C-alpha atoms as a PDB file:
ATOM      1  CA  UNK A   1     140.311 -73.506-174.404  1.00  0.00           C
ATOM      2  CA  UNK A   2     140.238 -70.217-176.281  1.00  0.00           C
ATOM      3  CA  UNK A   3     137.100 -68.094-176.005  1.00  0.00           C
ATOM      4  CA  UNK A   4     136.224 -65.340-178.461  1.00  0.00           C
ATOM      5  CA  UNK A   5     135.389 -62.960-175.646  1.00  0.00           C
ATOM      6  CA  UNK A   6     136.780 -59.961-173.822  1.00  0.00           C
ATOM      7  CA  UNK A   7     136.589 -59.190-170.132  1.00  0.00           C
ATOM      8  CA  UNK A   8     137.220 -55.746-168.749  1.00  0.00           C
ATOM      9  CA  UNK A   9     136.825 -54.144-165.356  1.00  0.00           C
ATOM     10  CA  UNK A  10     134.648 -51.054-165.708  1.00  0.00           C
ATOM     11  CA  UNK A  11     135.520 -47.702-164.146  1.00  0.00           C
ATOM     12  CA  UNK A  12     133.649 -46.803-160.976  1.00  0.00           C
ATOM     13  CA  UNK A  13     130.402 -44.884-161.349  1.00  0.00           C
ATOM     14  CA  UNK A  14     127.909 -43.438-158.893  1.00  0.00           C
ATOM     15  CA  UNK A  15     125.492 -46.058-157.579  1.00  0.00           C
ATOM     16  CA  UNK A  16     122.515 -45.497-155.290  1.00  0.00           C
ATOM     17  CA  UNK A  17     120.735 -48.456-153.669  1.00  0.00           C
ATOM     18  CA  UNK A  18     117.018 -47.864-153.128  1.00  0.00           C
ATOM     19  CA  UNK A  19     114.639 -50.111-151.203  1.00  0.00           C
ATOM     20  CA  UNK A  20     111.059 -49.402-150.309  1.00  0.00           C
ATOM     21  CA  UNK A  21     107.445 -49.471-151.432  1.00  0.00           C
ATOM     22  CA  UNK A  22     106.794 -49.065-155.169  1.00  0.00           C
ATOM     23  CA  UNK A  23     104.476 -46.132-154.402  1.00  0.00           C
ATOM     24  CA  UNK A  24     107.343 -44.152-152.909  1.00  0.00           C
ATOM     25  CA  UNK A  25     110.363 -45.262-154.945  1.00  0.00           C
ATOM     26  CA  UNK A  26     108.868 -45.213-158.455  1.00  0.00           C
ATOM     27  CA  UNK A  27     107.715 -41.551-158.271  1.00  0.00           C
ATOM     28  CA  UNK A  28     111.143 -40.570-156.887  1.00  0.00           C
ATOM     29  CA  UNK A  29     112.869 -42.249-159.844  1.00  0.00           C
ATOM     30  CA  UNK A  30     110.441 -40.773-162.356  1.00  0.00           C
ATOM     31  CA  UNK A  31     110.932 -37.283-160.868  1.00  0.00           C
ATOM     32  CA  UNK A  32     114.508 -37.548-162.161  1.00  0.00           C
ATOM     33  CA  UNK A  33     113.219 -38.035-165.710  1.00  0.00           C
ATOM     34  CA  UNK A  34     113.871 -41.760-165.798  1.00  0.00           C
ATOM     35  CA  UNK A  35     111.308 -44.515-166.116  1.00  0.00           C
ATOM     36  CA  UNK A  36     111.329 -47.248-163.473  1.00  0.00           C
ATOM     37  CA  UNK A  37     111.823 -50.616-165.189  1.00  0.00           C
ATOM     38  CA  UNK A  38     109.777 -53.696-164.416  1.00  0.00           C
ATOM     39  CA  UNK A  39     111.234 -56.262-162.027  1.00  0.00           C
ATOM     40  CA  UNK A  40     114.219 -58.019-163.554  1.00  0.00           C
ATOM     41  CA  UNK A  41     114.954 -55.280-166.083  1.00  0.00           C
ATOM     42  CA  UNK A  42     117.062 -52.162-166.544  1.00  0.00           C
ATOM     43  CA  UNK A  43     116.353 -48.920-168.387  1.00  0.00           C
ATOM     44  CA  UNK A  44     118.237 -45.776-169.225  1.00  0.00           C
ATOM     45  CA  UNK A  45     117.103 -42.172-169.065  1.00  0.00           C
ATOM     46  CA  UNK A  46     119.716 -39.591-170.030  1.00  0.00           C
ATOM     47  CA  UNK A  47     122.844 -40.208-167.951  1.00  0.00           C
ATOM     48  CA  UNK A  48     120.945 -42.353-165.443  1.00  0.00           C
ATOM     49  CA  UNK A  49     120.444 -46.088-165.594  1.00  0.00           C
ATOM     50  CA  UNK A  50     118.003 -47.850-163.286  1.00  0.00           C
ATOM     51  CA  UNK A  51     118.176 -51.552-162.415  1.00  0.00           C
ATOM     52  CA  UNK A  52     115.201 -53.274-160.762  1.00  0.00           C
ATOM     53  CA  UNK A  53     116.694 -56.654-159.819  1.00  0.00           C
ATOM     54  CA  UNK A  54     114.107 -57.695-157.221  1.00  0.00           C
ATOM     55  CA  UNK A  55     110.753 -56.610-155.772  1.00  0.00           C
ATOM     56  CA  UNK A  56     111.176 -53.461-153.687  1.00  0.00           C
ATOM     57  CA  UNK A  57     114.803 -53.009-154.785  1.00  0.00           C
ATOM     58  CA  UNK A  58     116.333 -50.601-157.321  1.00  0.00           C
ATOM     59  CA  UNK A  59     119.851 -49.439-158.133  1.00  0.00           C
ATOM     60  CA  UNK A  60     120.417 -46.116-159.871  1.00  0.00           C
ATOM     61  CA  UNK A  61     123.733 -45.725-161.728  1.00  0.00           C
ATOM     62  CA  UNK A  62     125.004 -42.333-162.843  1.00  0.00           C
ATOM     63  CA  UNK A  63     128.284 -40.518-163.449  1.00  0.00           C
ATOM     64  CA  UNK A  64     130.331 -40.440-160.255  1.00  0.00           C
ATOM     65  CA  UNK A  65     129.934 -36.664-159.818  1.00  0.00           C
ATOM     66  CA  UNK A  66     126.136 -37.077-159.762  1.00  0.00           C
ATOM     67  CA  UNK A  67     126.100 -39.445-156.772  1.00  0.00           C
ATOM     68  CA  UNK A  68     125.902 -36.761-154.057  1.00  0.00           C
ATOM     69  CA  UNK A  69     123.175 -34.703-155.758  1.00  0.00           C
ATOM     70  CA  UNK A  70     121.155 -37.882-156.498  1.00  0.00           C
ATOM     71  CA  UNK A  71     121.407 -39.053-152.911  1.00  0.00           C
ATOM     72  CA  UNK A  72     120.220 -35.646-151.695  1.00  0.00           C
ATOM     73  CA  UNK A  73     117.246 -35.714-154.094  1.00  0.00           C
ATOM     74  CA  UNK A  74     116.185 -39.191-153.019  1.00  0.00           C
ATOM     75  CA  UNK A  75     116.576 -38.401-149.314  1.00  0.00           C
ATOM     76  CA  UNK A  76     114.406 -35.288-149.629  1.00  0.00           C
ATOM     77  CA  UNK A  77     111.670 -36.622-151.923  1.00  0.00           C
ATOM     78  CA  UNK A  78     108.102 -37.329-150.760  1.00  0.00           C
ATOM     79  CA  UNK A  79     108.017 -40.736-149.073  1.00  0.00           C
ATOM     80  CA  UNK A  80     111.748 -40.677-148.258  1.00  0.00           C
ATOM     81  CA  UNK A  81     111.031 -41.714-144.680  1.00  0.00           C
ATOM     82  CA  UNK A  82     109.724 -45.058-146.006  1.00  0.00           C
ATOM     83  CA  UNK A  83     112.718 -45.667-148.296  1.00  0.00           C
ATOM     84  CA  UNK A  84     116.215 -46.910-147.660  1.00  0.00           C
ATOM     85  CA  UNK A  85     118.548 -44.830-149.812  1.00  0.00           C
ATOM     86  CA  UNK A  86     122.286 -45.530-149.633  1.00  0.00           C
ATOM     87  CA  UNK A  87     125.264 -44.643-151.824  1.00  0.00           C
ATOM     88  CA  UNK A  88     127.003 -47.921-152.691  1.00  0.00           C
ATOM     89  CA  UNK A  89     129.423 -46.756-155.382  1.00  0.00           C
ATOM     90  CA  UNK A  90     132.401 -47.999-153.417  1.00  0.00           C
ATOM     91  CA  UNK A  91     130.684 -51.306-152.676  1.00  0.00           C
ATOM     92  CA  UNK A  92     130.375 -52.837-156.166  1.00  0.00           C
ATOM     93  CA  UNK A  93     132.811 -53.408-158.998  1.00  0.00           C
ATOM     94  CA  UNK A  94     131.559 -54.263-162.487  1.00  0.00           C
ATOM     95  CA  UNK A  95     133.123 -56.482-165.138  1.00  0.00           C
ATOM     96  CA  UNK A  96     131.955 -56.423-168.774  1.00  0.00           C
ATOM     97  CA  UNK A  97     131.934 -59.627-170.836  1.00  0.00           C
ATOM     98  CA  UNK A  98     131.671 -59.090-174.595  1.00  0.00           C
ATOM     99  CA  UNK A  99     132.232 -61.088-177.762  1.00  0.00           C
ATOM    100  CA  UNK A 100     130.596 -64.072-179.401  1.00  0.00           C
ATOM    101  CA  UNK A 101     131.505 -66.412-176.518  1.00  0.00           C
ATOM    102  CA  UNK A 102     130.499 -64.070-173.682  1.00  0.00           C
ATOM    103  CA  UNK A 103     127.504 -66.266-172.838  1.00  0.00           C
ATOM    104  CA  UNK A 104     129.769 -69.324-172.640  1.00  0.00           C
ATOM    105  CA  UNK A 105     132.015 -67.536-170.125  1.00  0.00           C
ATOM    106  CA  UNK A 106     128.964 -66.534-168.127  1.00  0.00           C
ATOM    107  CA  UNK A 107     127.764 -70.162-168.149  1.00  0.00           C
ATOM    108  CA  UNK A 108     131.033 -71.183-166.467  1.00  0.00           C
ATOM    109  CA  UNK A 109     130.602 -68.507-163.801  1.00  0.00           C
ATOM    110  CA  UNK A 110     126.835 -68.632-163.180  1.00  0.00           C
ATOM    111  CA  UNK A 111     124.039 -71.227-163.272  1.00  0.00           C
ATOM    112  CA  UNK A 112     121.550 -68.632-164.600  1.00  0.00           C
ATOM    113  CA  UNK A 113     120.218 -69.369-168.097  1.00  0.00           C
ATOM    114  CA  UNK A 114     121.443 -66.264-169.924  1.00  0.00           C
ATOM    115  CA  UNK A 115     120.075 -67.196-173.339  1.00  0.00           C
ATOM    116  CA  UNK A 116     118.216 -64.222-174.860  1.00  0.00           C
ATOM    117  CA  UNK A 117     114.964 -66.217-174.748  1.00  0.00           C
ATOM    118  CA  UNK A 118     115.273 -66.626-170.966  1.00  0.00           C
ATOM    119  CA  UNK A 119     117.176 -63.445-170.051  1.00  0.00           C
ATOM    120  CA  UNK A 120     116.026 -60.591-172.249  1.00  0.00           C
ATOM    121  CA  UNK A 121     117.979 -57.544-173.403  1.00  0.00           C
ATOM    122  CA  UNK A 122     118.242 -55.079-170.525  1.00  0.00           C
ATOM    123  CA  UNK A 123     117.668 -57.908-168.065  1.00  0.00           C
ATOM    124  CA  UNK A 124     118.941 -57.128-164.557  1.00  0.00           C
ATOM    125  CA  UNK A 125     118.887 -59.609-161.704  1.00  0.00           C
ATOM    126  CA  UNK A 126     120.891 -60.971-158.842  1.00  0.00           C
ATOM    127  CA  UNK A 127     122.468 -64.362-159.399  1.00  0.00           C
ATOM    128  CA  UNK A 128     125.384 -66.386-158.192  1.00  0.00           C
ATOM    129  CA  UNK A 129     128.687 -66.179-160.058  1.00  0.00           C
ATOM    130  CA  UNK A 130     131.752 -68.104-158.929  1.00  0.00           C
ATOM    131  CA  UNK A 131     129.777 -68.923-155.782  1.00  0.00           C
ATOM    132  CA  UNK A 132     129.322 -65.239-154.921  1.00  0.00           C
ATOM    133  CA  UNK A 133     126.317 -62.929-155.126  1.00  0.00           C
ATOM    134  CA  UNK A 134     126.460 -60.867-158.312  1.00  0.00           C
ATOM    135  CA  UNK A 135     124.280 -58.383-160.155  1.00  0.00           C
ATOM    136  CA  UNK A 136     123.921 -59.525-163.768  1.00  0.00           C
ATOM    137  CA  UNK A 137     122.890 -57.093-166.523  1.00  0.00           C
ATOM    138  CA  UNK A 138     122.406 -58.105-170.161  1.00  0.00           C
ATOM    139  CA  UNK A 139     123.823 -55.734-172.755  1.00  0.00           C
ATOM    140  CA  UNK A 140     123.350 -55.874-176.549  1.00  0.00           C
ATOM    141  CA  UNK A 141     126.968 -57.020-176.923  1.00  0.00           C
ATOM    142  CA  UNK A 142     127.288 -59.152-173.778  1.00  0.00           C
ATOM    143  CA  UNK A 143     126.894 -58.822-170.032  1.00  0.00           C
ATOM    144  CA  UNK A 144     127.958 -56.874-166.973  1.00  0.00           C
ATOM    145  CA  UNK A 145     128.530 -58.594-163.642  1.00  0.00           C
ATOM    146  CA  UNK A 146     128.677 -56.530-160.456  1.00  0.00           C
ATOM    147  CA  UNK A 147     130.451 -58.035-157.432  1.00  0.00           C
ATOM    148  CA  UNK A 148     131.275 -56.858-153.949  1.00  0.00           C
ATOM    149  CA  UNK A 149     134.389 -54.715-154.390  1.00  0.00           C
ATOM    150  CA  UNK A 150     136.340 -56.898-151.952  1.00  0.00           C
ATOM    151  CA  UNK A 151     136.144 -59.699-154.550  1.00  0.00           C
ATOM    152  CA  UNK A 152     137.587 -57.781-157.516  1.00  0.00           C
ATOM    153  CA  UNK A 153     141.052 -59.384-157.507  1.00  0.00           C
ATOM    154  CA  UNK A 154     139.551 -62.836-157.012  1.00  0.00           C
ATOM    155  CA  UNK A 155     137.023 -62.373-159.849  1.00  0.00           C
ATOM    156  CA  UNK A 156     139.736 -61.037-162.163  1.00  0.00           C
ATOM    157  CA  UNK A 157     141.823 -64.121-161.346  1.00  0.00           C
ATOM    158  CA  UNK A 158     138.885 -66.475-162.044  1.00  0.00           C
ATOM    159  CA  UNK A 159     138.258 -64.873-165.421  1.00  0.00           C
ATOM    160  CA  UNK A 160     141.974 -65.033-166.236  1.00  0.00           C
ATOM    161  CA  UNK A 161     142.048 -68.743-165.447  1.00  0.00           C
ATOM    162  CA  UNK A 162     139.029 -69.400-167.689  1.00  0.00           C
ATOM    163  CA  UNK A 163     140.262 -67.389-170.665  1.00  0.00           C
ATOM    164  CA  UNK A 164     144.031 -67.399-170.327  1.00  0.00           C
ATOM    165  CA  UNK A 165     143.837 -63.603-170.696  1.00  0.00           C
ATOM    166  CA  UNK A 166     144.952 -61.225-167.973  1.00  0.00           C
ATOM    167  CA  UNK A 167     142.012 -59.372-166.466  1.00  0.00           C
ATOM    168  CA  UNK A 168     143.151 -56.407-164.386  1.00  0.00           C
ATOM    169  CA  UNK A 169     141.472 -55.795-161.083  1.00  0.00           C
END
């Protein structure tokens, strides 16, 4: 079947994984000039994007050259001793699904109801996709799925089999 959708592997960016109490993590994020989103959402502030996929868990995405300075800021902020702060840029690979049938492709990969009524714009949550844990982010023109980097060739192959298009890992 032909789907009116595009799948592309996104270039690597800086990604910091933060876990800890709201009272410590939220002020650290806001000190960078970015608002902390509510659970299950994402928000952007300048070059930073913050995902809050679960209680006590945030991911901060930024240009790759910002990863080191961001990590240093988080590790030296008030409350840092109560936070887990780890650079995970090399741990996740993201694929973007766009086009009018992007939701149909996502429905093949994941059981999550990704209709805009159920999964709002700037939604960000963990789900299962192709039987693997994935970070799902809703975009105005589609979705992004983040997988463990070790799965990138496998995920590209799955998408290729669904669409008949070559997806490069």
